[in-house]
Amino acid sequence: MQKSLDVKIARILADRNCRDFILADAKDADMAYGLAAPGQSPESYGKEARFRTLDQYRAQIREVIAQGLVDIVLMSASTNEILTLRERLFENTSITPAIRANDATDIWLAGAEGVYTSLPSRPFRTASLDYAMCGKGSCRPEDRLLGANLGLYSITFNNDLERDMESLLAYKQFRAEAARKGFRHFLEVFAPNAPIGAISDIPRFVNDHIVRTLAGVAGEERPTFLKIPYFGPKAMEELANFDSTLVVGILGGSAGTTFDAFQMLWEAKKYGARVALYGRKINSAEHQLTFIQVLRRVADDELLPKDAVRLYHSELKRMNIAPRRSLEDDLQSMAQVLSYDSSVHAAVTVPVAGDSAVSSVKKNSEIASNPTSGQTAEMKVNEKVRRNLEKLDRIFG
């Protein structure tokens, strides 16, 4: 079956005004955490440290695959072996399986006493590309499409010459191997986790390092898309407009409120993002499939964030599922995490009243050269939003 990721990437690269949006469920937490990776068990109470099992975590992934609304499911290599290679769950779906291809030290969050995330990131890679692709230590060319042929590669710059050069060299080695084996990747770049000296403008620092890193990367070694923290409209617009061959995506970060999840995606898309990879935001939802269903509608310009929160709560009520927060509290915004750890945060901008519900990010030159095309596209999107808001009015009275 044709994969929606491939279709959308092609359309986005062909048309900068394309409204397609790629959603990924990041279920790779076992590459970072210990027993807490699958998330808190619904059967725990208060501050009791009781977590789902890995089998329960994988059962949830199976449900997400069967639902078919996300474009990518990101997993650990061990989960990929079970779900992709043994159970063949992705064969008859439009969803693309992907693995976390490296696990640099700034995502080593296992153990309450661990100090790795407070030290400058160092490159490390557990996963074998061959085992991810075909389940063997060495794949025949015809077997390389049996498993996952897409992976996330993570890098963190800290303004530290030795450490950053070490990370760049490791990334170069990975790219060369991946290209030889026909393995695609997307590049994740975090905010500095332990920078050498203060960095006054972290968004600019990250954007500049992305541009510098990829300037010398060509052909099959280039990433399919980027995954970065959402630093706000200015930083997103600058990076998204810089290179028309680069598709920019955002990471979800910590769970936050339901409004945070929907608002971050909506605003990031407004300023140029075309991908969102949500892990903890999905995994901590009261009902993951409903959360994804509503998130998909936000991504597809059918719902505004606050209306999406109201619809999500309405669906929880219909299913007799108690929300963790009241609707009023869930419509508020919290700080957003910029790194895999929870120590770096930034506020997400809430658009002022009167902002357009959806708006493509266009260069002035593009608008000037074809002033009617942008207006027509926006009119269609706004009409779509209007119709869906009318449906919500009927639901909520």
Protein backbone atom coordinates (compact mmCIF):
# COMPACT_ATOMS: atom_id res chain seq x y z
CA MET A 1 0.00 0.00 0.00
CA GLN A 2 1.23 3.49 -0.83
CA LYS A 3 2.48 5.34 2.22
CA SER A 4 0.88 8.69 3.06
CA LEU A 5 4.27 10.05 4.17
CA ASP A 6 5.72 9.64 0.69
CA VAL A 7 2.67 11.19 -0.98
CA LYS A 8 2.63 14.19 1.35
CA ILE A 9 6.38 14.83 1.21
CA ALA A 10 6.21 14.87 -2.59
CA ARG A 11 3.29 17.31 -2.60
CA ILE A 12 4.85 19.60 0.00
CA LEU A 13 8.14 19.79 -1.90
CA ALA A 14 6.31 20.48 -5.16
CA ASP A 15 4.12 23.25 -3.72
CA ARG A 16 5.20 25.46 -0.83
CA ASN A 17 1.57 26.47 -0.27
CA CYS A 18 0.45 22.84 0.12
CA ARG A 19 -1.60 22.36 3.30
CA ASP A 20 -0.76 18.66 3.77
CA PHE A 21 0.46 17.86 7.26
CA ILE A 22 2.34 14.80 8.51
CA LEU A 23 1.53 13.35 11.94
CA ALA A 24 3.74 10.90 13.80
CA ASP A 25 3.06 8.98 17.00
CA ALA A 26 6.40 8.72 18.79
CA LYS A 27 6.28 5.44 20.69
CA ASP A 28 10.05 5.14 21.19
CA ALA A 29 10.19 6.09 24.88
CA ASP A 30 11.82 2.80 25.84
CA MET A 31 14.97 4.13 24.14
CA ALA A 32 15.10 6.90 26.75
CA TYR A 33 13.36 5.92 29.97
CA GLY A 34 13.38 2.83 32.12
CA LEU A 35 10.26 1.28 33.60
CA ALA A 36 8.38 4.56 33.22
CA ALA A 37 8.67 4.52 29.41
CA PRO A 38 5.14 3.19 28.65
CA GLY A 39 3.56 5.87 30.83
CA GLN A 40 1.53 5.79 34.01
CA SER A 41 -0.91 2.95 34.37
CA PRO A 42 -4.58 3.98 34.52
CA GLU A 43 -4.82 1.74 37.56
CA SER A 44 -2.36 3.81 39.61
CA TYR A 45 -3.60 6.36 42.11
CA GLY A 46 -2.24 9.65 43.34
CA LYS A 47 1.55 9.68 43.19
CA GLU A 48 1.83 5.92 43.12
CA ALA A 49 4.65 4.88 40.76
CA ARG A 50 2.80 2.26 38.77
CA PHE A 51 3.36 2.10 35.02
CA ARG A 52 2.01 0.28 32.01
CA THR A 53 3.98 -2.73 30.87
CA LEU A 54 5.85 -2.83 27.58
CA ASP A 55 3.27 -5.31 26.29
CA GLN A 56 0.50 -2.81 27.07
CA TYR A 57 2.53 -0.07 25.35
CA ARG A 58 2.82 -2.20 22.23
CA ALA A 59 -0.88 -3.03 22.37
CA GLN A 60 -1.59 0.69 22.18
CA ILE A 61 0.68 0.95 19.13
CA ARG A 62 -1.31 -1.81 17.46
CA GLU A 63 -4.50 0.20 18.04
CA VAL A 64 -2.93 3.33 16.56
CA ILE A 65 -1.84 1.39 13.47
CA ALA A 66 -5.33 -0.09 13.06
CA GLN A 67 -6.87 3.39 13.38
CA GLY A 68 -4.77 4.57 10.43
CA LEU A 69 -4.83 8.34 11.08
CA VAL A 70 -1.14 9.03 11.68
CA ASP A 71 1.45 8.96 8.90
CA ILE A 72 4.38 7.57 10.91
CA VAL A 73 4.76 5.39 13.99
CA LEU A 74 8.18 5.82 15.56
CA MET A 75 9.37 2.84 17.63
CA SER A 76 12.43 1.33 19.24
CA ALA A 77 14.20 -1.26 17.10
CA SER A 78 12.99 -4.01 19.43
CA THR A 79 9.34 -2.99 19.05
CA ASN A 80 9.84 -2.65 15.30
CA GLU A 81 11.07 -6.25 15.20
CA ILE A 82 7.82 -7.48 16.74
CA LEU A 83 5.23 -5.26 15.06
CA THR A 84 6.79 -4.64 11.66
CA LEU A 85 8.84 -7.75 10.94
CA ARG A 86 7.02 -10.51 12.84
CA GLU A 87 3.42 -9.35 12.82
CA ARG A 88 3.59 -7.47 9.48
CA LEU A 89 1.20 -4.81 10.79
CA PHE A 90 2.30 -2.08 8.40
CA GLU A 91 1.87 -4.04 5.15
CA ASN A 92 -1.78 -3.13 4.56
CA THR A 93 -1.73 0.38 5.96
CA SER A 94 -0.65 3.80 4.69
CA ILE A 95 1.43 4.31 7.86
CA THR A 96 5.23 4.25 7.64
CA PRO A 97 7.14 2.40 10.39
CA ALA A 98 10.23 4.16 11.72
CA ILE A 99 12.84 3.47 14.39
CA ARG A 100 14.91 5.66 16.66
CA ALA A 101 18.20 5.13 14.86
CA ASN A 102 20.45 6.63 17.54
CA ASP A 103 20.25 7.34 21.25
CA ALA A 104 22.66 10.15 22.11
CA THR A 105 23.39 10.63 25.81
CA ASP A 106 21.03 13.61 26.27
CA ILE A 107 18.05 11.25 26.00
CA TRP A 108 19.39 8.79 28.60
CA LEU A 109 16.67 9.40 31.19
CA ALA A 110 16.60 5.96 32.79
CA GLY A 111 17.09 5.83 36.54
CA ALA A 112 16.24 8.44 39.13
CA GLU A 113 19.92 9.01 39.88
CA GLY A 114 21.04 9.45 36.26
CA VAL A 115 23.02 12.61 35.48
CA TYR A 116 23.56 12.08 31.75
CA THR A 117 21.16 14.77 30.57
CA SER A 118 23.00 17.44 32.56
CA LEU A 119 26.26 16.73 30.68
CA PRO A 120 27.04 17.79 27.09
CA SER A 121 25.45 15.39 24.63
CA ARG A 122 27.66 12.68 23.19
CA PRO A 123 26.79 10.49 20.18
CA PHE A 124 25.80 6.88 20.65
CA ARG A 125 23.88 4.36 18.54
CA THR A 126 22.37 1.11 19.82
CA ALA A 127 20.19 0.17 16.84
CA SER A 128 21.43 -1.85 13.89
CA LEU A 129 20.09 -0.68 10.53
CA ASP A 130 20.17 -4.18 9.08
CA TYR A 131 18.15 -5.66 11.93
CA ALA A 132 15.66 -2.82 11.61
CA MET A 133 15.29 -3.35 7.87
CA CYS A 134 15.20 -7.14 7.56
CA GLY A 135 15.66 -8.70 11.01
CA LYS A 136 19.13 -10.04 10.23
CA GLY A 137 22.69 -8.91 10.80
CA SER A 138 23.22 -8.54 7.06
CA CYS A 139 20.36 -7.91 4.62
CA ARG A 140 20.08 -8.97 1.03
CA PRO A 141 19.04 -6.03 -1.20
CA GLU A 142 15.62 -7.56 -1.85
CA ASP A 143 14.95 -7.92 1.89
CA ARG A 144 15.64 -4.32 2.92
CA LEU A 145 11.99 -3.25 2.59
CA LEU A 146 10.66 -5.98 4.89
CA GLY A 147 11.05 -3.87 8.01
CA ALA A 148 11.59 -0.17 8.69
CA ASN A 149 13.56 1.90 6.20
CA LEU A 150 13.10 5.20 8.01
CA GLY A 151 14.74 6.32 11.23
CA LEU A 152 15.14 9.29 13.51
CA TYR A 153 18.69 10.55 14.04
CA SER A 154 19.13 12.99 16.94
CA ILE A 155 21.86 15.56 17.47
CA THR A 156 22.35 18.32 20.07
CA PHE A 157 24.79 21.20 19.70
CA ASN A 158 26.24 22.78 22.84
CA ASN A 159 28.66 25.37 21.46
CA ASP A 160 31.40 22.95 22.53
CA LEU A 161 33.96 22.41 19.76
CA GLU A 162 35.09 18.91 20.73
CA ARG A 163 31.65 17.55 21.57
CA ASP A 164 29.89 19.15 18.60
CA MET A 165 32.56 17.93 16.17
CA GLU A 166 32.25 14.43 17.67
CA SER A 167 28.50 14.55 17.08
CA LEU A 168 28.91 15.78 13.50
CA LEU A 169 31.41 13.03 12.68
CA ALA A 170 29.07 10.38 14.09
CA TYR A 171 26.22 11.82 12.02
CA LYS A 172 28.41 11.70 8.91
CA GLN A 173 29.21 8.03 9.50
CA PHE A 174 25.54 7.24 10.02
CA ARG A 175 24.50 9.06 6.83
CA ALA A 176 27.06 7.18 4.75
CA GLU A 177 25.90 3.79 6.06
CA ALA A 178 22.23 4.69 5.70
CA ALA A 179 22.69 5.84 2.09
CA ARG A 180 24.51 2.63 1.17
CA LYS A 181 21.68 0.55 2.59
CA GLY A 182 18.76 2.61 1.28
CA PHE A 183 17.73 3.68 4.77
CA ARG A 184 16.08 7.11 5.00
CA HIS A 185 16.26 9.31 8.07
CA PHE A 186 14.82 12.46 9.56
CA LEU A 187 17.02 14.73 11.64
CA GLU A 188 16.08 15.76 15.18
CA VAL A 189 17.91 18.78 16.61
CA PHE A 190 17.34 19.70 20.23
CA ALA A 191 18.07 22.92 22.08
CA PRO A 192 21.48 22.83 23.84
CA ASN A 193 21.26 20.65 26.93
CA ALA A 194 24.58 21.72 28.56
CA PRO A 195 26.04 24.61 26.55
CA ILE A 196 29.54 25.98 27.05
CA GLY A 197 28.74 29.54 28.08
CA ALA A 198 25.41 31.32 27.84
CA ILE A 199 23.59 31.39 24.49
CA SER A 200 21.43 34.49 24.32
CA ASP A 201 19.37 33.42 21.27
CA ILE A 202 18.81 29.66 21.37
CA PRO A 203 16.35 29.55 18.43
CA ARG A 204 18.84 31.35 16.17
CA PHE A 205 21.67 29.15 17.45
CA VAL A 206 19.72 25.97 16.57
CA ASN A 207 18.57 27.27 13.18
CA ASP A 208 22.08 28.37 12.22
CA HIS A 209 23.54 25.00 13.19
CA ILE A 210 20.92 23.14 11.16
CA VAL A 211 21.72 25.21 8.08
CA ARG A 212 25.46 24.79 8.57
CA THR A 213 25.15 21.03 9.20
CA LEU A 214 23.10 20.33 6.07
CA ALA A 215 24.91 22.68 3.67
CA GLY A 216 27.46 19.99 2.86
CA VAL A 217 24.97 17.11 2.75
CA ALA A 218 23.71 16.07 -0.69
CA GLY A 219 21.77 13.37 -2.47
CA GLU A 220 20.58 10.29 -0.60
CA GLU A 221 22.30 11.46 2.59
CA ARG A 222 19.93 14.40 3.13
CA PRO A 223 17.19 14.00 5.76
CA THR A 224 13.61 13.47 4.62
CA PHE A 225 12.49 16.16 7.07
CA LEU A 226 13.50 17.91 10.29
CA LYS A 227 12.22 17.50 13.84
CA ILE A 228 12.96 20.47 16.11
CA PRO A 229 11.46 22.22 19.14
CA TYR A 230 8.85 24.81 18.33
CA PHE A 231 10.56 28.06 19.30
CA GLY A 232 7.75 30.33 18.14
CA PRO A 233 6.61 32.04 14.92
CA LYS A 234 9.77 33.99 14.06
CA ALA A 235 12.21 31.09 14.31
CA MET A 236 9.87 28.69 12.52
CA GLU A 237 9.16 31.09 9.67
CA GLU A 238 12.85 31.87 9.16
CA LEU A 239 13.85 28.22 8.93
CA ALA A 240 10.83 27.07 6.90
CA ASN A 241 11.39 29.85 4.35
CA PHE A 242 15.16 29.41 4.11
CA ASP A 243 15.34 26.27 1.98
CA SER A 244 12.45 25.07 -0.17
CA THR A 245 13.95 21.55 -0.29
CA LEU A 246 13.70 21.17 3.47
CA VAL A 247 10.51 20.07 5.22
CA VAL A 248 10.42 21.31 8.83
CA GLY A 249 8.64 19.50 11.66
CA ILE A 250 8.21 19.97 15.40
CA LEU A 251 8.59 17.72 18.41
CA GLY A 252 5.88 17.57 21.03
CA GLY A 253 7.86 17.73 24.26
CA SER A 254 6.15 17.26 27.60
CA ALA A 255 2.48 16.42 27.91
CA GLY A 256 1.14 19.84 28.97
CA THR A 257 -2.56 20.59 28.55
CA THR A 258 -4.68 19.39 25.66
CA PHE A 259 -4.80 22.98 24.45
CA ASP A 260 -0.98 23.05 24.38
CA ALA A 261 -0.90 20.06 22.04
CA PHE A 262 -3.45 21.41 19.60
CA GLN A 263 -2.27 25.02 19.78
CA MET A 264 1.38 24.15 19.18
CA LEU A 265 0.57 22.17 16.04
CA TRP A 266 -1.86 24.78 14.70
CA GLU A 267 0.53 27.68 15.24
CA ALA A 268 3.61 25.82 13.98
CA LYS A 269 1.74 24.93 10.79
CA LYS A 270 0.67 28.53 10.36
CA TYR A 271 4.32 29.58 10.28
CA GLY A 272 5.65 26.84 8.04
CA ALA A 273 5.90 23.49 9.84
CA ARG A 274 4.51 20.51 7.96
CA VAL A 275 5.26 17.69 10.42
CA ALA A 276 4.55 17.06 14.11
CA LEU A 277 5.89 14.14 16.14
CA TYR A 278 3.97 13.79 19.39
CA GLY A 279 5.05 11.25 21.98
CA ARG A 280 4.20 12.18 25.54
CA LYS A 281 1.28 14.35 24.41
CA ILE A 282 -0.38 11.31 22.86
CA ASN A 283 0.79 8.76 25.41
CA SER A 284 -0.56 10.76 28.35
CA ALA A 285 -3.97 11.38 26.80
CA GLU A 286 -7.01 9.93 28.57
CA HIS A 287 -7.99 8.16 25.34
CA GLN A 288 -5.20 8.07 22.79
CA LEU A 289 -7.27 7.19 19.71
CA THR A 290 -9.73 10.02 20.33
CA PHE A 291 -6.88 12.44 20.98
CA ILE A 292 -5.26 11.44 17.66
CA GLN A 293 -8.59 11.73 15.85
CA VAL A 294 -9.08 15.31 17.04
CA LEU A 295 -5.41 16.17 16.50
CA ARG A 296 -5.73 14.96 12.91
CA ARG A 297 -8.61 17.38 12.36
CA VAL A 298 -6.55 20.28 13.70
CA ALA A 299 -3.68 19.26 11.41
CA ASP A 300 -6.05 19.13 8.44
CA ASP A 301 -7.43 22.66 9.06
CA GLU A 302 -10.82 21.40 10.21
CA LEU A 303 -10.71 22.64 13.81
CA LEU A 304 -9.24 25.51 15.77
CA PRO A 305 -7.35 24.57 18.96
CA LYS A 306 -9.90 25.65 21.56
CA ASP A 307 -12.77 24.08 19.68
CA ALA A 308 -10.70 20.91 19.38
CA VAL A 309 -10.25 20.83 23.17
CA ARG A 310 -14.00 21.17 23.66
CA LEU A 311 -14.67 18.39 21.17
CA TYR A 312 -12.11 16.13 22.89
CA HIS A 313 -13.78 16.67 26.27
CA SER A 314 -17.19 16.07 24.72
CA GLU A 315 -15.97 12.74 23.35
CA LEU A 316 -14.49 11.75 26.72
CA LYS A 317 -17.83 12.50 28.35
CA ARG A 318 -19.65 10.43 25.75
CA MET A 319 -17.33 7.47 26.50
CA ASN A 320 -17.68 7.97 30.28
CA ILE A 321 -13.95 8.66 30.64
CA ALA A 322 -13.03 11.12 33.39
CA PRO A 323 -10.64 13.84 32.15
CA ARG A 324 -7.55 14.60 34.22
CA ARG A 325 -8.34 18.30 34.07
CA SER A 326 -11.56 20.25 33.93
CA LEU A 327 -12.40 21.72 30.54
CA GLU A 328 -11.57 25.18 31.87
CA ASP A 329 -8.12 24.07 33.06
CA ASP A 330 -7.45 22.10 29.89
CA LEU A 331 -8.03 25.22 27.80
CA GLN A 332 -5.06 26.92 29.50
CA SER A 333 -1.45 26.95 28.28
CA MET A 334 1.65 25.67 30.04
CA ALA A 335 5.37 25.98 29.28
CA GLN A 336 6.69 23.71 26.52
CA VAL A 337 9.78 21.54 26.70
CA LEU A 338 12.55 22.22 24.18
CA SER A 339 14.70 19.16 24.88
CA TYR A 340 14.04 15.49 25.55
CA ASP A 341 14.65 16.20 29.22
CA SER A 342 12.25 18.48 31.11
CA SER A 343 14.74 21.15 32.14
CA VAL A 344 14.49 23.54 29.17
CA HIS A 345 11.19 25.29 28.53
CA ALA A 346 9.68 28.08 26.49
CA ALA A 347 6.25 29.67 26.39
CA VAL A 348 4.09 28.91 23.37
CA THR A 349 2.55 32.03 21.88
CA VAL A 350 -1.23 32.17 21.91
CA PRO A 351 -2.45 34.07 18.81
CA VAL A 352 -4.45 37.21 19.51
CA ALA A 353 -8.14 37.32 18.73
CA GLY A 354 -8.79 38.02 15.09
CA ASP A 355 -5.89 35.98 13.74
CA SER A 356 -6.78 33.97 10.65
CA ALA A 357 -7.75 30.42 11.51
CA VAL A 358 -5.25 29.05 9.05
CA SER A 359 -2.64 30.79 6.93
CA SER A 360 0.04 29.52 4.62
CA VAL A 361 3.51 30.98 5.14
CA LYS A 362 4.39 32.69 1.88
CA LYS A 363 7.26 34.91 0.87
CA ASN A 364 6.29 38.38 -0.25
CA SER A 365 7.68 37.64 -3.69
CA GLU A 366 5.42 34.58 -4.03
CA ILE A 367 2.32 36.56 -3.10
CA ALA A 368 3.28 39.39 -5.44
CA SER A 369 3.86 37.05 -8.38
CA ASN A 370 0.49 35.34 -7.96
CA PRO A 371 -1.77 37.45 -5.74
CA THR A 372 -4.96 35.45 -6.32
CA SER A 373 -3.73 31.90 -5.70
CA GLY A 374 -2.99 32.49 -2.01
CA GLN A 375 -6.34 34.20 -1.50
CA THR A 376 -8.20 31.34 -3.19
CA ALA A 377 -6.43 28.68 -1.12
CA GLU A 378 -7.10 30.56 2.11
CA MET A 379 -10.77 31.07 1.21
CA LYS A 380 -11.16 27.32 0.72
CA VAL A 381 -9.49 26.57 4.05
CA ASN A 382 -11.53 29.19 5.91
CA GLU A 383 -14.75 27.80 4.42
CA LYS A 384 -13.72 24.34 5.62
CA VAL A 385 -13.13 25.69 9.13
CA ARG A 386 -16.44 27.58 9.07
CA ARG A 387 -18.39 24.43 8.21
CA ASN A 388 -16.73 22.46 10.97
CA LEU A 389 -17.37 25.23 13.50
CA GLU A 390 -21.05 25.08 12.60
CA LYS A 391 -21.00 21.35 13.37
CA LEU A 392 -19.36 22.12 16.74
CA ASP A 393 -22.04 24.69 17.51
CA ARG A 394 -24.65 21.97 17.05
CA ILE A 395 -22.68 19.60 19.32
CA PHE A 396 -22.08 22.09 22.11
CA GLY A 397 -25.26 24.08 21.78
